[in-house]
Amino acid sequence: MQQLTLVYDLFWLPDGSFLVQTGRQKGAELEWGLLHLTPDGRRLAELPAAPRLMAARGDTLYFVDPRSEVPNRWRIARLRAGS
């Protein structure tokens, strides 16, 4: 299982591109990754060890805060033009 990377979520963005949330077993935890792809599958960006993305609204991304010891604490990020 530690060698399999699974697709967990897709998030469509306003420009037609999308984010793919991936997960891979690493010990007892899941290691999350994030791919930014065009509709035809061209890779725009890759974050191999990203925090878990919970939601995307417009250019705003909502991640689980990986450093938080309490649940339901999020980090917010924005996509830059051209990224």
PDB file of N, CA and C in Angstrom:
ATOM      1  N   MET A   1       0.808  -1.204   0.000  1.00  0.00           N
ATOM      2  CA  MET A   1       0.000   0.000   0.000  1.00  0.00           C
ATOM      3  C   MET A   1       0.849   1.266   0.000  1.00  0.00           C
ATOM      4  N   GLN A   2       2.065   1.210   0.527  1.00  0.00           N
ATOM      5  CA  GLN A   2       2.881   2.415   0.605  1.00  0.00           C
ATOM      6  C   GLN A   2       3.377   2.875  -0.758  1.00  0.00           C
ATOM      7  N   GLN A   3       3.259   2.037  -1.774  1.00  0.00           N
ATOM      8  CA  GLN A   3       3.700   2.444  -3.102  1.00  0.00           C
ATOM      9  C   GLN A   3       2.555   2.920  -3.980  1.00  0.00           C
ATOM     10  N   LEU A   4       1.313   2.807  -3.520  1.00  0.00           N
ATOM     11  CA  LEU A   4       0.162   3.247  -4.302  1.00  0.00           C
ATOM     12  C   LEU A   4      -0.175   4.695  -3.978  1.00  0.00           C
ATOM     13  N   THR A   5      -0.429   5.467  -5.003  1.00  0.00           N
ATOM     14  CA  THR A   5      -0.926   6.828  -4.840  1.00  0.00           C
ATOM     15  C   THR A   5      -2.352   6.848  -5.366  1.00  0.00           C
ATOM     16  N   LEU A   6      -3.287   7.268  -4.513  1.00  0.00           N
ATOM     17  CA  LEU A   6      -4.703   7.254  -4.856  1.00  0.00           C
ATOM     18  C   LEU A   6      -5.236   8.664  -5.025  1.00  0.00           C
ATOM     19  N   VAL A   7      -6.200   8.828  -5.922  1.00  0.00           N
ATOM     20  CA  VAL A   7      -6.883  10.106  -6.097  1.00  0.00           C
ATOM     21  C   VAL A   7      -8.010  10.182  -5.060  1.00  0.00           C
ATOM     22  N   TYR A   8      -8.044  11.275  -4.288  1.00  0.00           N
ATOM     23  CA  TYR A   8      -9.069  11.442  -3.258  1.00  0.00           C
ATOM     24  C   TYR A   8     -10.113  12.484  -3.634  1.00  0.00           C
ATOM     25  N   ASP A   9      -9.716  13.546  -4.297  1.00  0.00           N
ATOM     26  CA  ASP A   9     -10.661  14.619  -4.616  1.00  0.00           C
ATOM     27  C   ASP A   9     -10.222  15.365  -5.858  1.00  0.00           C
ATOM     28  N   LEU A  10     -11.189  15.981  -6.537  1.00  0.00           N
ATOM     29  CA  LEU A  10     -10.941  16.902  -7.646  1.00  0.00           C
ATOM     30  C   LEU A  10     -11.603  18.223  -7.302  1.00  0.00           C
ATOM     31  N   PHE A  11     -10.906  19.314  -7.583  1.00  0.00           N
ATOM     32  CA  PHE A  11     -11.430  20.654  -7.326  1.00  0.00           C
ATOM     33  C   PHE A  11     -11.303  21.462  -8.614  1.00  0.00           C
ATOM     34  N   TRP A  12     -12.433  21.823  -9.222  1.00  0.00           N
ATOM     35  CA  TRP A  12     -12.439  22.613 -10.450  1.00  0.00           C
ATOM     36  C   TRP A  12     -12.223  24.075 -10.109  1.00  0.00           C
ATOM     37  N   LEU A  13     -11.409  24.749 -10.902  1.00  0.00           N
ATOM     38  CA  LEU A  13     -11.096  26.154 -10.693  1.00  0.00           C
ATOM     39  C   LEU A  13     -11.774  26.998 -11.773  1.00  0.00           C
ATOM     40  N   PRO A  14     -11.969  28.296 -11.510  1.00  0.00           N
ATOM     41  CA  PRO A  14     -12.700  29.162 -12.456  1.00  0.00           C
ATOM     42  C   PRO A  14     -12.094  29.218 -13.860  1.00  0.00           C
ATOM     43  N   ASP A  15     -10.785  29.045 -13.990  1.00  0.00           N
ATOM     44  CA  ASP A  15     -10.155  29.125 -15.308  1.00  0.00           C
ATOM     45  C   ASP A  15     -10.278  27.827 -16.107  1.00  0.00           C
ATOM     46  N   GLY A  16     -10.960  26.812 -15.558  1.00  0.00           N
ATOM     47  CA  GLY A  16     -11.124  25.535 -16.244  1.00  0.00           C
ATOM     48  C   GLY A  16     -10.103  24.490 -15.837  1.00  0.00           C
ATOM     49  N   SER A  17      -9.030  24.896 -15.188  1.00  0.00           N
ATOM     50  CA  SER A  17      -8.059  23.928 -14.697  1.00  0.00           C
ATOM     51  C   SER A  17      -8.617  23.278 -13.434  1.00  0.00           C
ATOM     52  N   PHE A  18      -7.913  22.294 -12.910  1.00  0.00           N
ATOM     53  CA  PHE A  18      -8.401  21.638 -11.705  1.00  0.00           C
ATOM     54  C   PHE A  18      -7.241  21.153 -10.845  1.00  0.00           C
ATOM     55  N   LEU A  19      -7.563  20.938  -9.567  1.00  0.00           N
ATOM     56  CA  LEU A  19      -6.606  20.419  -8.591  1.00  0.00           C
ATOM     57  C   LEU A  19      -6.994  18.979  -8.281  1.00  0.00           C
ATOM     58  N   VAL A  20      -5.993  18.109  -8.213  1.00  0.00           N
ATOM     59  CA  VAL A  20      -6.198  16.703  -7.871  1.00  0.00           C
ATOM     60  C   VAL A  20      -5.524  16.458  -6.534  1.00  0.00           C
ATOM     61  N   GLN A  21      -6.317  16.069  -5.527  1.00  0.00           N
ATOM     62  CA  GLN A  21      -5.773  15.730  -4.210  1.00  0.00           C
ATOM     63  C   GLN A  21      -5.444  14.246  -4.224  1.00  0.00           C
ATOM     64  N   THR A  22      -4.198  13.901  -3.948  1.00  0.00           N
ATOM     65  CA  THR A  22      -3.773  12.514  -3.915  1.00  0.00           C
ATOM     66  C   THR A  22      -3.374  12.141  -2.489  1.00  0.00           C
ATOM     67  N   GLY A  23      -3.353  10.856  -2.226  1.00  0.00           N
ATOM     68  CA  GLY A  23      -2.933  10.373  -0.926  1.00  0.00           C
ATOM     69  C   GLY A  23      -2.153   9.082  -1.064  1.00  0.00           C
ATOM     70  N   ARG A  24      -1.191   8.936  -0.173  1.00  0.00           N
ATOM     71  CA  ARG A  24      -0.346   7.749  -0.174  1.00  0.00           C
ATOM     72  C   ARG A  24      -0.083   7.349   1.267  1.00  0.00           C
ATOM     73  N   GLN A  25      -0.174   6.064   1.566  1.00  0.00           N
ATOM     74  CA  GLN A  25       0.055   5.579   2.915  1.00  0.00           C
ATOM     75  C   GLN A  25       1.529   5.740   3.273  1.00  0.00           C
ATOM     76  N   LYS A  26       1.790   6.364   4.413  1.00  0.00           N
ATOM     77  CA  LYS A  26       3.158   6.506   4.911  1.00  0.00           C
ATOM     78  C   LYS A  26       3.115   6.146   6.391  1.00  0.00           C
ATOM     79  N   GLY A  27       3.428   4.897   6.694  1.00  0.00           N
ATOM     80  CA  GLY A  27       3.275   4.405   8.056  1.00  0.00           C
ATOM     81  C   GLY A  27       1.795   4.350   8.397  1.00  0.00           C
ATOM     82  N   ALA A  28       1.435   4.919   9.541  1.00  0.00           N
ATOM     83  CA  ALA A  28       0.032   4.936   9.972  1.00  0.00           C
ATOM     84  C   ALA A  28      -0.723   6.148   9.434  1.00  0.00           C
ATOM     85  N   GLU A  29      -0.031   7.060   8.777  1.00  0.00           N
ATOM     86  CA  GLU A  29      -0.628   8.312   8.292  1.00  0.00           C
ATOM     87  C   GLU A  29      -0.754   8.303   6.772  1.00  0.00           C
ATOM     88  N   LEU A  30      -1.589   9.200   6.269  1.00  0.00           N
ATOM     89  CA  LEU A  30      -1.663   9.446   4.831  1.00  0.00           C
ATOM     90  C   LEU A  30      -0.812  10.668   4.502  1.00  0.00           C
ATOM     91  N   GLU A  31      -0.017  10.561   3.461  1.00  0.00           N
ATOM     92  CA  GLU A  31       0.751  11.701   2.959  1.00  0.00           C
ATOM     93  C   GLU A  31      -0.021  12.257   1.772  1.00  0.00           C
ATOM     94  N   TRP A  32      -0.411  13.531   1.864  1.00  0.00           N
ATOM     95  CA  TRP A  32      -1.223  14.160   0.838  1.00  0.00           C
ATOM     96  C   TRP A  32      -0.342  14.820  -0.209  1.00  0.00           C
ATOM     97  N   GLY A  33      -0.822  14.859  -1.420  1.00  0.00           N
ATOM     98  CA  GLY A  33      -0.168  15.557  -2.513  1.00  0.00           C
ATOM     99  C   GLY A  33      -1.210  16.333  -3.289  1.00  0.00           C
ATOM    100  N   LEU A  34      -0.745  17.266  -4.108  1.00  0.00           N
ATOM    101  CA  LEU A  34      -1.664  18.093  -4.868  1.00  0.00           C
ATOM    102  C   LEU A  34      -1.087  18.339  -6.254  1.00  0.00           C
ATOM    103  N   LEU A  35      -1.904  18.113  -7.284  1.00  0.00           N
ATOM    104  CA  LEU A  35      -1.529  18.387  -8.670  1.00  0.00           C
ATOM    105  C   LEU A  35      -2.452  19.460  -9.226  1.00  0.00           C
ATOM    106  N   HIS A  36      -1.896  20.387  -9.980  1.00  0.00           N
ATOM    107  CA  HIS A  36      -2.681  21.405 -10.685  1.00  0.00           C
ATOM    108  C   HIS A  36      -2.559  21.079 -12.165  1.00  0.00           C
ATOM    109  N   LEU A  37      -3.687  20.754 -12.803  1.00  0.00           N
ATOM    110  CA  LEU A  37      -3.695  20.293 -14.193  1.00  0.00           C
ATOM    111  C   LEU A  37      -4.617  21.131 -15.054  1.00  0.00           C
ATOM    112  N   THR A  38      -4.294  21.189 -16.348  1.00  0.00           N
ATOM    113  CA  THR A  38      -5.192  21.808 -17.328  1.00  0.00           C
ATOM    114  C   THR A  38      -6.239  20.775 -17.729  1.00  0.00           C
ATOM    115  N   PRO A  39      -7.321  21.205 -18.380  1.00  0.00           N
ATOM    116  CA  PRO A  39      -8.344  20.239 -18.811  1.00  0.00           C
ATOM    117  C   PRO A  39      -7.808  19.134 -19.727  1.00  0.00           C
ATOM    118  N   ASP A  40      -6.739  19.419 -20.484  1.00  0.00           N
ATOM    119  CA  ASP A  40      -6.178  18.390 -21.358  1.00  0.00           C
ATOM    120  C   ASP A  40      -5.105  17.544 -20.664  1.00  0.00           C
ATOM    121  N   GLY A  41      -4.899  17.754 -19.342  1.00  0.00           N
ATOM    122  CA  GLY A  41      -3.987  16.913 -18.568  1.00  0.00           C
ATOM    123  C   GLY A  41      -2.573  17.433 -18.418  1.00  0.00           C
ATOM    124  N   ARG A  42      -2.290  18.626 -18.930  1.00  0.00           N
ATOM    125  CA  ARG A  42      -0.935  19.182 -18.782  1.00  0.00           C
ATOM    126  C   ARG A  42      -0.717  19.611 -17.336  1.00  0.00           C
ATOM    127  N   ARG A  43       0.414  19.228 -16.765  1.00  0.00           N
ATOM    128  CA  ARG A  43       0.724  19.538 -15.374  1.00  0.00           C
ATOM    129  C   ARG A  43       1.226  20.976 -15.249  1.00  0.00           C
ATOM    130  N   LEU A  44       0.535  21.778 -14.434  1.00  0.00           N
ATOM    131  CA  LEU A  44       0.935  23.158 -14.180  1.00  0.00           C
ATOM    132  C   LEU A  44       1.801  23.270 -12.933  1.00  0.00           C
ATOM    133  N   ALA A  45       1.491  22.462 -11.926  1.00  0.00           N
ATOM    134  CA  ALA A  45       2.246  22.487 -10.674  1.00  0.00           C
ATOM    135  C   ALA A  45       2.010  21.183  -9.921  1.00  0.00           C
ATOM    136  N   GLU A  46       2.959  20.869  -9.042  1.00  0.00           N
ATOM    137  CA  GLU A  46       2.825  19.683  -8.197  1.00  0.00           C
ATOM    138  C   GLU A  46       3.385  19.991  -6.821  1.00  0.00           C
ATOM    139  N   LEU A  47       2.623  19.643  -5.800  1.00  0.00           N
ATOM    140  CA  LEU A  47       3.067  19.742  -4.408  1.00  0.00           C
ATOM    141  C   LEU A  47       3.017  18.335  -3.833  1.00  0.00           C
ATOM    142  N   PRO A  48       4.150  17.622  -3.792  1.00  0.00           N
ATOM    143  CA  PRO A  48       4.116  16.212  -3.392  1.00  0.00           C
ATOM    144  C   PRO A  48       3.805  15.983  -1.910  1.00  0.00           C
ATOM    145  N   ALA A  49       4.066  16.928  -1.051  1.00  0.00           N
ATOM    146  CA  ALA A  49       3.795  16.756   0.383  1.00  0.00           C
ATOM    147  C   ALA A  49       2.987  17.954   0.881  1.00  0.00           C
ATOM    148  N   ALA A  50       1.823  18.160   0.283  1.00  0.00           N
ATOM    149  CA  ALA A  50       0.958  19.292   0.628  1.00  0.00           C
ATOM    150  C   ALA A  50       0.060  18.923   1.799  1.00  0.00           C
ATOM    151  N   PRO A  51      -0.433  19.905   2.539  1.00  0.00           N
ATOM    152  CA  PRO A  51      -1.472  19.599   3.525  1.00  0.00           C
ATOM    153  C   PRO A  51      -2.745  19.159   2.804  1.00  0.00           C
ATOM    154  N   ARG A  52      -3.665  18.556   3.514  1.00  0.00           N
ATOM    155  CA  ARG A  52      -4.923  18.105   2.911  1.00  0.00           C
ATOM    156  C   ARG A  52      -5.760  19.301   2.503  1.00  0.00           C
ATOM    157  N   LEU A  53      -6.146  19.333   1.240  1.00  0.00           N
ATOM    158  CA  LEU A  53      -7.016  20.382   0.720  1.00  0.00           C
ATOM    159  C   LEU A  53      -8.459  19.975   0.980  1.00  0.00           C
ATOM    160  N   MET A  54      -9.211  20.831   1.670  1.00  0.00           N
ATOM    161  CA  MET A  54     -10.588  20.512   2.015  1.00  0.00           C
ATOM    162  C   MET A  54     -11.595  21.183   1.086  1.00  0.00           C
ATOM    163  N   ALA A  55     -11.246  22.368   0.561  1.00  0.00           N
ATOM    164  CA  ALA A  55     -12.196  23.083  -0.291  1.00  0.00           C
ATOM    165  C   ALA A  55     -11.442  24.071  -1.170  1.00  0.00           C
ATOM    166  N   ALA A  56     -12.035  24.373  -2.317  1.00  0.00           N
ATOM    167  CA  ALA A  56     -11.513  25.408  -3.215  1.00  0.00           C
ATOM    168  C   ALA A  56     -12.711  26.220  -3.678  1.00  0.00           C
ATOM    169  N   ARG A  57     -12.609  27.521  -3.486  1.00  0.00           N
ATOM    170  CA  ARG A  57     -13.693  28.415  -3.925  1.00  0.00           C
ATOM    171  C   ARG A  57     -13.044  29.570  -4.671  1.00  0.00           C
ATOM    172  N   GLY A  58     -13.265  29.609  -5.968  1.00  0.00           N
ATOM    173  CA  GLY A  58     -12.587  30.607  -6.780  1.00  0.00           C
ATOM    174  C   GLY A  58     -11.088  30.354  -6.735  1.00  0.00           C
ATOM    175  N   ASP A  59     -10.319  31.397  -6.390  1.00  0.00           N
ATOM    176  CA  ASP A  59      -8.867  31.234  -6.284  1.00  0.00           C
ATOM    177  C   ASP A  59      -8.417  31.015  -4.842  1.00  0.00           C
ATOM    178  N   THR A  60      -9.366  30.759  -3.932  1.00  0.00           N
ATOM    179  CA  THR A  60      -9.046  30.566  -2.521  1.00  0.00           C
ATOM    180  C   THR A  60      -9.085  29.083  -2.181  1.00  0.00           C
ATOM    181  N   LEU A  61      -8.016  28.614  -1.540  1.00  0.00           N
ATOM    182  CA  LEU A  61      -7.893  27.207  -1.164  1.00  0.00           C
ATOM    183  C   LEU A  61      -7.897  27.091   0.357  1.00  0.00           C
ATOM    184  N   TYR A  62      -8.580  26.087   0.868  1.00  0.00           N
ATOM    185  CA  TYR A  62      -8.696  25.859   2.304  1.00  0.00           C
ATOM    186  C   TYR A  62      -8.047  24.516   2.647  1.00  0.00           C
ATOM    187  N   PHE A  63      -6.940  24.576   3.378  1.00  0.00           N
ATOM    188  CA  PHE A  63      -6.182  23.393   3.758  1.00  0.00           C
ATOM    189  C   PHE A  63      -6.355  23.100   5.245  1.00  0.00           C
ATOM    190  N   VAL A  64      -6.265  21.830   5.623  1.00  0.00           N
ATOM    191  CA  VAL A  64      -6.160  21.463   7.032  1.00  0.00           C
ATOM    192  C   VAL A  64      -4.802  21.950   7.513  1.00  0.00           C
ATOM    193  N   ASP A  65      -4.759  22.580   8.678  1.00  0.00           N
ATOM    194  CA  ASP A  65      -3.497  23.061   9.244  1.00  0.00           C
ATOM    195  C   ASP A  65      -2.711  21.860   9.769  1.00  0.00           C
ATOM    196  N   PRO A  66      -1.603  21.493   9.115  1.00  0.00           N
ATOM    197  CA  PRO A  66      -0.868  20.291   9.524  1.00  0.00           C
ATOM    198  C   PRO A  66      -0.162  20.432  10.872  1.00  0.00           C
ATOM    199  N   ARG A  67       0.030  21.647  11.350  1.00  0.00           N
ATOM    200  CA  ARG A  67       0.729  21.852  12.624  1.00  0.00           C
ATOM    201  C   ARG A  67      -0.214  21.956  13.818  1.00  0.00           C
ATOM    202  N   SER A  68      -1.492  21.999  13.553  1.00  0.00           N
ATOM    203  CA  SER A  68      -2.466  22.167  14.630  1.00  0.00           C
ATOM    204  C   SER A  68      -2.670  20.856  15.386  1.00  0.00           C
ATOM    205  N   GLU A  69      -2.779  20.948  16.664  1.00  0.00           N
ATOM    206  CA  GLU A  69      -3.063  19.773  17.487  1.00  0.00           C
ATOM    207  C   GLU A  69      -4.556  19.622  17.745  1.00  0.00           C
ATOM    208  N   VAL A  70      -5.347  20.599  17.320  1.00  0.00           N
ATOM    209  CA  VAL A  70      -6.793  20.529  17.485  1.00  0.00           C
ATOM    210  C   VAL A  70      -7.431  20.356  16.103  1.00  0.00           C
ATOM    211  N   PRO A  71      -8.573  19.664  16.030  1.00  0.00           N
ATOM    212  CA  PRO A  71      -9.222  19.475  14.723  1.00  0.00           C
ATOM    213  C   PRO A  71      -9.881  20.765  14.238  1.00  0.00           C
ATOM    214  N   ASN A  72     -10.202  20.782  12.980  1.00  0.00           N
ATOM    215  CA  ASN A  72     -10.949  21.878  12.354  1.00  0.00           C
ATOM    216  C   ASN A  72     -10.215  23.208  12.337  1.00  0.00           C
ATOM    217  N   ARG A  73      -8.910  23.194  12.296  1.00  0.00           N
ATOM    218  CA  ARG A  73      -8.137  24.419  12.122  1.00  0.00           C
ATOM    219  C   ARG A  73      -7.612  24.399  10.689  1.00  0.00           C
ATOM    220  N   TRP A  74      -7.907  25.464   9.951  1.00  0.00           N
ATOM    221  CA  TRP A  74      -7.586  25.485   8.530  1.00  0.00           C
ATOM    222  C   TRP A  74      -6.565  26.574   8.217  1.00  0.00           C
ATOM    223  N   ARG A  75      -5.881  26.409   7.100  1.00  0.00           N
ATOM    224  CA  ARG A  75      -4.997  27.414   6.504  1.00  0.00           C
ATOM    225  C   ARG A  75      -5.612  27.827   5.185  1.00  0.00           C
ATOM    226  N   ILE A  76      -5.526  29.109   4.880  1.00  0.00           N
ATOM    227  CA  ILE A  76      -6.108  29.621   3.647  1.00  0.00           C
ATOM    228  C   ILE A  76      -4.973  30.105   2.735  1.00  0.00           C
ATOM    229  N   ALA A  77      -5.077  29.769   1.452  1.00  0.00           N
ATOM    230  CA  ALA A  77      -4.085  30.195   0.463  1.00  0.00           C
ATOM    231  C   ALA A  77      -4.817  30.670  -0.782  1.00  0.00           C
ATOM    232  N   ARG A  78      -4.155  31.471  -1.576  1.00  0.00           N
ATOM    233  CA  ARG A  78      -4.719  31.942  -2.839  1.00  0.00           C
ATOM    234  C   ARG A  78      -3.804  31.541  -3.982  1.00  0.00           C
ATOM    235  N   LEU A  79      -4.414  31.186  -5.085  1.00  0.00           N
ATOM    236  CA  LEU A  79      -3.654  30.894  -6.296  1.00  0.00           C
ATOM    237  C   LEU A  79      -3.226  32.196  -6.943  1.00  0.00           C
ATOM    238  N   ARG A  80      -2.020  32.248  -7.421  1.00  0.00           N
ATOM    239  CA  ARG A  80      -1.534  33.410  -8.158  1.00  0.00           C
ATOM    240  C   ARG A  80      -1.856  33.236  -9.627  1.00  0.00           C
ATOM    241  N   ALA A  81      -2.035  34.339 -10.304  1.00  0.00           N
ATOM    242  CA  ALA A  81      -2.239  34.294 -11.749  1.00  0.00           C
ATOM    243  C   ALA A  81      -1.009  33.678 -12.399  1.00  0.00           C
ATOM    244  N   GLY A  82      -1.239  32.758 -13.314  1.00  0.00           N
ATOM    245  CA  GLY A  82      -0.128  32.117 -14.001  1.00  0.00           C
ATOM    246  C   GLY A  82       0.455  30.931 -13.261  1.00  0.00           C
ATOM    247  N   SER A  83      -0.121  30.537 -12.107  1.00  0.00           N
ATOM    248  CA  SER A  83       0.429  29.381 -11.383  1.00  0.00           C
ATOM    249  C   SER A  83      -0.354  28.127 -11.680  1.00  0.00           C
TER     250      SER A  83
END
